[in-house]
Amino acid sequence: MLRLVGVLLLAVNSVASLASASQTRPRKTSCAGRIASDSMVYDTTEITEKPVRYRGGQPDYPEPVRRDRVQGTVVLTAIVEPEGNVNRSTITVVRGVDPHLDRAAVDVIARSTFWPGCRDRVAVRVQLVIPISYWLGGIQEPPN
């Protein structure tokens, strides 16, 4: 059984956008381009560098749920491959808020690209836990 401890936090709100945050390109992990030969899936306690999301945009905040003032955090799990893409068949909603928000969260992670996770200086498959927060009052920046 995998221990799910890696966290990537995305936050959305109905008014502001994270365009400025998405314009700052995160630093590439040291193993990018050096792919491990094994197919093992590691959790974030077993690697030296966590995957870093750098492309994929912000989640949509669908109008019906925004209008109904639905808020909360959707929690997903997904496997990031050594090439940095998300294995779409592994995206799972662990804790949902509303079907519209759940779908928007899955969609943004499915179109995301990451700098890969590293173990022993090579890129490996990593399972992440990904909370995506939807709040009407303002954007909550993830901690560094």
C-alpha atoms as a PDB file:
ATOM      1  CA  MET A   1       0.000   0.000   0.000  1.00  0.00           C
ATOM      2  CA  LEU A   2       1.366   3.403  -0.926  1.00  0.00           C
ATOM      3  CA  ARG A   3       1.711   6.121   1.668  1.00  0.00           C
ATOM      4  CA  LEU A   4       0.215   9.268   0.220  1.00  0.00           C
ATOM      5  CA  VAL A   5       1.989  12.241   1.702  1.00  0.00           C
ATOM      6  CA  GLY A   6       3.012  14.519  -1.156  1.00  0.00           C
ATOM      7  CA  VAL A   7       0.945  17.630  -1.455  1.00  0.00           C
ATOM      8  CA  LEU A   8       0.514  20.129  -4.251  1.00  0.00           C
ATOM      9  CA  LEU A   9      -1.844  22.967  -3.437  1.00  0.00           C
ATOM     10  CA  LEU A  10      -3.811  24.938  -5.988  1.00  0.00           C
ATOM     11  CA  ALA A  11      -6.279  27.604  -4.996  1.00  0.00           C
ATOM     12  CA  VAL A  12      -9.002  29.256  -7.025  1.00  0.00           C
ATOM     13  CA  ASN A  13     -11.525  31.996  -6.424  1.00  0.00           C
ATOM     14  CA  SER A  14     -14.314  33.620  -8.318  1.00  0.00           C
ATOM     15  CA  VAL A  15     -12.749  37.045  -8.801  1.00  0.00           C
ATOM     16  CA  ALA A  16      -8.968  37.005  -8.919  1.00  0.00           C
ATOM     17  CA  SER A  17      -6.729  34.925 -11.092  1.00  0.00           C
ATOM     18  CA  LEU A  18      -3.324  33.427 -10.498  1.00  0.00           C
ATOM     19  CA  ALA A  19      -2.034  34.639 -13.841  1.00  0.00           C
ATOM     20  CA  SER A  20       0.957  36.340 -12.251  1.00  0.00           C
ATOM     21  CA  ALA A  21       1.846  33.166 -10.350  1.00  0.00           C
ATOM     22  CA  SER A  22       1.579  31.064 -13.498  1.00  0.00           C
ATOM     23  CA  GLN A  23       3.903  33.454 -15.365  1.00  0.00           C
ATOM     24  CA  THR A  24       6.723  32.713 -12.922  1.00  0.00           C
ATOM     25  CA  ARG A  25       8.235  29.462 -14.106  1.00  0.00           C
ATOM     26  CA  PRO A  26       9.207  27.135 -11.234  1.00  0.00           C
ATOM     27  CA  ARG A  27      12.735  25.845 -11.100  1.00  0.00           C
ATOM     28  CA  LYS A  28      13.345  22.591 -12.930  1.00  0.00           C
ATOM     29  CA  THR A  29      14.169  19.526 -10.808  1.00  0.00           C
ATOM     30  CA  SER A  30      17.742  18.264 -11.072  1.00  0.00           C
ATOM     31  CA  CYS A  31      16.808  14.935 -12.670  1.00  0.00           C
ATOM     32  CA  ALA A  32      14.695  16.269 -15.558  1.00  0.00           C
ATOM     33  CA  GLY A  33      15.600  14.304 -18.682  1.00  0.00           C
ATOM     34  CA  ARG A  34      17.319  11.435 -16.817  1.00  0.00           C
ATOM     35  CA  ILE A  35      14.669   8.729 -16.594  1.00  0.00           C
ATOM     36  CA  ALA A  36      14.964   5.703 -14.285  1.00  0.00           C
ATOM     37  CA  SER A  37      14.747   2.256 -15.812  1.00  0.00           C
ATOM     38  CA  ASP A  38      12.363   0.918 -13.157  1.00  0.00           C
ATOM     39  CA  SER A  39       8.577   1.292 -13.180  1.00  0.00           C
ATOM     40  CA  MET A  40       8.108   1.481  -9.399  1.00  0.00           C
ATOM     41  CA  VAL A  41       5.788   4.181  -8.051  1.00  0.00           C
ATOM     42  CA  TYR A  42       7.303   6.103  -5.138  1.00  0.00           C
ATOM     43  CA  ASP A  43       5.625   8.279  -2.571  1.00  0.00           C
ATOM     44  CA  THR A  44       7.151  11.607  -1.663  1.00  0.00           C
ATOM     45  CA  THR A  45       8.920  10.252   1.433  1.00  0.00           C
ATOM     46  CA  GLU A  46      11.021   7.991  -0.801  1.00  0.00           C
ATOM     47  CA  ILE A  47      12.379  10.619  -3.188  1.00  0.00           C
ATOM     48  CA  THR A  48      14.904  13.429  -2.953  1.00  0.00           C
ATOM     49  CA  GLU A  49      12.982  16.041  -5.002  1.00  0.00           C
ATOM     50  CA  LYS A  50       9.209  16.305  -5.344  1.00  0.00           C
ATOM     51  CA  PRO A  51       7.549  16.876  -8.727  1.00  0.00           C
ATOM     52  CA  VAL A  52       6.960  20.568  -9.430  1.00  0.00           C
ATOM     53  CA  ARG A  53       3.932  21.654 -11.469  1.00  0.00           C
ATOM     54  CA  TYR A  54       4.858  24.246 -14.084  1.00  0.00           C
ATOM     55  CA  ARG A  55       2.175  24.060 -16.778  1.00  0.00           C
ATOM     56  CA  GLY A  56      -1.564  23.494 -16.910  1.00  0.00           C
ATOM     57  CA  GLY A  57      -3.229  26.736 -15.942  1.00  0.00           C
ATOM     58  CA  GLN A  58      -5.668  27.335 -13.152  1.00  0.00           C
ATOM     59  CA  PRO A  59      -8.754  25.258 -12.354  1.00  0.00           C
ATOM     60  CA  ASP A  60     -12.073  26.590 -13.587  1.00  0.00           C
ATOM     61  CA  TYR A  61     -14.611  27.665 -10.987  1.00  0.00           C
ATOM     62  CA  PRO A  62     -17.816  26.631 -12.800  1.00  0.00           C
ATOM     63  CA  GLU A  63     -20.542  29.287 -12.839  1.00  0.00           C
ATOM     64  CA  PRO A  64     -23.338  27.112 -11.350  1.00  0.00           C
ATOM     65  CA  VAL A  65     -21.349  26.359  -8.181  1.00  0.00           C
ATOM     66  CA  ARG A  66     -19.947  29.879  -7.940  1.00  0.00           C
ATOM     67  CA  ARG A  67     -23.474  31.259  -8.146  1.00  0.00           C
ATOM     68  CA  ASP A  68     -24.588  28.805  -5.430  1.00  0.00           C
ATOM     69  CA  ARG A  69     -21.552  29.881  -3.350  1.00  0.00           C
ATOM     70  CA  VAL A  70     -20.166  26.329  -3.097  1.00  0.00           C
ATOM     71  CA  GLN A  71     -16.678  26.325  -1.576  1.00  0.00           C
ATOM     72  CA  GLY A  72     -14.241  23.708  -0.353  1.00  0.00           C
ATOM     73  CA  THR A  73     -11.182  21.636  -1.125  1.00  0.00           C
ATOM     74  CA  VAL A  74     -11.170  18.768  -3.624  1.00  0.00           C
ATOM     75  CA  VAL A  75      -8.459  16.215  -2.822  1.00  0.00           C
ATOM     76  CA  LEU A  76      -7.029  14.160  -5.682  1.00  0.00           C
ATOM     77  CA  THR A  77      -4.314  11.567  -6.059  1.00  0.00           C
ATOM     78  CA  ALA A  78      -2.347  11.098  -9.269  1.00  0.00           C
ATOM     79  CA  ILE A  79       0.871   9.574 -10.540  1.00  0.00           C
ATOM     80  CA  VAL A  80       3.406  11.874 -12.177  1.00  0.00           C
ATOM     81  CA  GLU A  81       5.484   9.968 -14.714  1.00  0.00           C
ATOM     82  CA  PRO A  82       9.286  10.423 -15.077  1.00  0.00           C
ATOM     83  CA  GLU A  83       8.712  12.509 -18.219  1.00  0.00           C
ATOM     84  CA  GLY A  84       6.603  14.947 -16.141  1.00  0.00           C
ATOM     85  CA  ASN A  85       3.169  14.105 -17.525  1.00  0.00           C
ATOM     86  CA  VAL A  86       0.290  12.998 -15.309  1.00  0.00           C
ATOM     87  CA  ASN A  87      -0.923   9.464 -15.899  1.00  0.00           C
ATOM     88  CA  ARG A  88      -4.583  10.360 -16.483  1.00  0.00           C
ATOM     89  CA  SER A  89      -5.858   6.891 -15.610  1.00  0.00           C
ATOM     90  CA  THR A  90      -4.466   7.312 -12.075  1.00  0.00           C
ATOM     91  CA  ILE A  91      -6.268  10.557 -11.216  1.00  0.00           C
ATOM     92  CA  THR A  92      -8.701   9.802  -8.404  1.00  0.00           C
ATOM     93  CA  VAL A  93     -10.972  12.041  -6.365  1.00  0.00           C
ATOM     94  CA  VAL A  94     -10.226  11.105  -2.755  1.00  0.00           C
ATOM     95  CA  ARG A  95     -12.500  13.748  -1.240  1.00  0.00           C
ATOM     96  CA  GLY A  96     -14.963  15.639  -3.390  1.00  0.00           C
ATOM     97  CA  VAL A  97     -16.920  18.822  -2.780  1.00  0.00           C
ATOM     98  CA  ASP A  98     -19.392  19.007  -5.669  1.00  0.00           C
ATOM     99  CA  PRO A  99     -19.443  17.110  -9.010  1.00  0.00           C
ATOM    100  CA  HIS A 100     -18.707  20.343 -10.942  1.00  0.00           C
ATOM    101  CA  LEU A 101     -15.729  21.268  -8.749  1.00  0.00           C
ATOM    102  CA  ASP A 102     -14.472  17.683  -8.702  1.00  0.00           C
ATOM    103  CA  ARG A 103     -14.525  17.575 -12.529  1.00  0.00           C
ATOM    104  CA  ALA A 104     -12.759  20.950 -12.809  1.00  0.00           C
ATOM    105  CA  ALA A 105     -10.046  19.756 -10.420  1.00  0.00           C
ATOM    106  CA  VAL A 106      -9.514  16.518 -12.363  1.00  0.00           C
ATOM    107  CA  ASP A 107      -9.386  18.465 -15.648  1.00  0.00           C
ATOM    108  CA  VAL A 108      -6.678  20.887 -14.482  1.00  0.00           C
ATOM    109  CA  ILE A 109      -4.457  18.085 -13.167  1.00  0.00           C
ATOM    110  CA  ALA A 110      -4.995  16.016 -16.331  1.00  0.00           C
ATOM    111  CA  ARG A 111      -3.660  18.903 -18.456  1.00  0.00           C
ATOM    112  CA  SER A 112      -0.775  19.713 -16.096  1.00  0.00           C
ATOM    113  CA  THR A 113       2.907  19.150 -16.713  1.00  0.00           C
ATOM    114  CA  PHE A 114       5.443  18.715 -13.932  1.00  0.00           C
ATOM    115  CA  TRP A 115       9.165  18.758 -13.537  1.00  0.00           C
ATOM    116  CA  PRO A 116       9.642  15.118 -12.460  1.00  0.00           C
ATOM    117  CA  GLY A 117      10.285  13.752  -8.996  1.00  0.00           C
ATOM    118  CA  CYS A 118      13.856  12.563  -8.387  1.00  0.00           C
ATOM    119  CA  ARG A 119      15.405   9.594  -6.630  1.00  0.00           C
ATOM    120  CA  ASP A 120      19.136   8.935  -6.818  1.00  0.00           C
ATOM    121  CA  ARG A 121      19.465  11.689  -9.448  1.00  0.00           C
ATOM    122  CA  VAL A 122      17.029  10.094 -11.912  1.00  0.00           C
ATOM    123  CA  ALA A 123      13.393  10.874 -12.693  1.00  0.00           C
ATOM    124  CA  VAL A 124      10.917   8.378 -11.231  1.00  0.00           C
ATOM    125  CA  ARG A 125       7.160   7.796 -11.033  1.00  0.00           C
ATOM    126  CA  VAL A 126       5.668   9.569  -8.000  1.00  0.00           C
ATOM    127  CA  GLN A 127       2.201   9.431  -6.470  1.00  0.00           C
ATOM    128  CA  LEU A 128       0.989  12.790  -5.187  1.00  0.00           C
ATOM    129  CA  VAL A 129      -1.907  13.913  -3.034  1.00  0.00           C
ATOM    130  CA  ILE A 130      -3.220  17.131  -4.599  1.00  0.00           C
ATOM    131  CA  PRO A 131      -5.665  19.390  -2.736  1.00  0.00           C
ATOM    132  CA  ILE A 132      -7.336  22.050  -4.881  1.00  0.00           C
ATOM    133  CA  SER A 133      -9.140  24.747  -2.895  1.00  0.00           C
ATOM    134  CA  TYR A 134     -12.092  26.740  -4.184  1.00  0.00           C
ATOM    135  CA  TRP A 135     -12.918  29.873  -2.130  1.00  0.00           C
ATOM    136  CA  LEU A 136     -15.080  32.843  -3.007  1.00  0.00           C
ATOM    137  CA  GLY A 137     -13.307  35.354  -0.752  1.00  0.00           C
ATOM    138  CA  GLY A 138      -9.758  35.283  -2.060  1.00  0.00           C
ATOM    139  CA  ILE A 139      -6.882  33.174  -3.270  1.00  0.00           C
ATOM    140  CA  GLN A 140      -4.911  31.269  -0.697  1.00  0.00           C
ATOM    141  CA  GLU A 141      -1.323  30.988  -1.820  1.00  0.00           C
ATOM    142  CA  PRO A 142       0.323  27.613  -1.171  1.00  0.00           C
ATOM    143  CA  PRO A 143       3.189  27.624   1.332  1.00  0.00           C
ATOM    144  CA  ASN A 144       6.709  27.439  -0.163  1.00  0.00           C
END
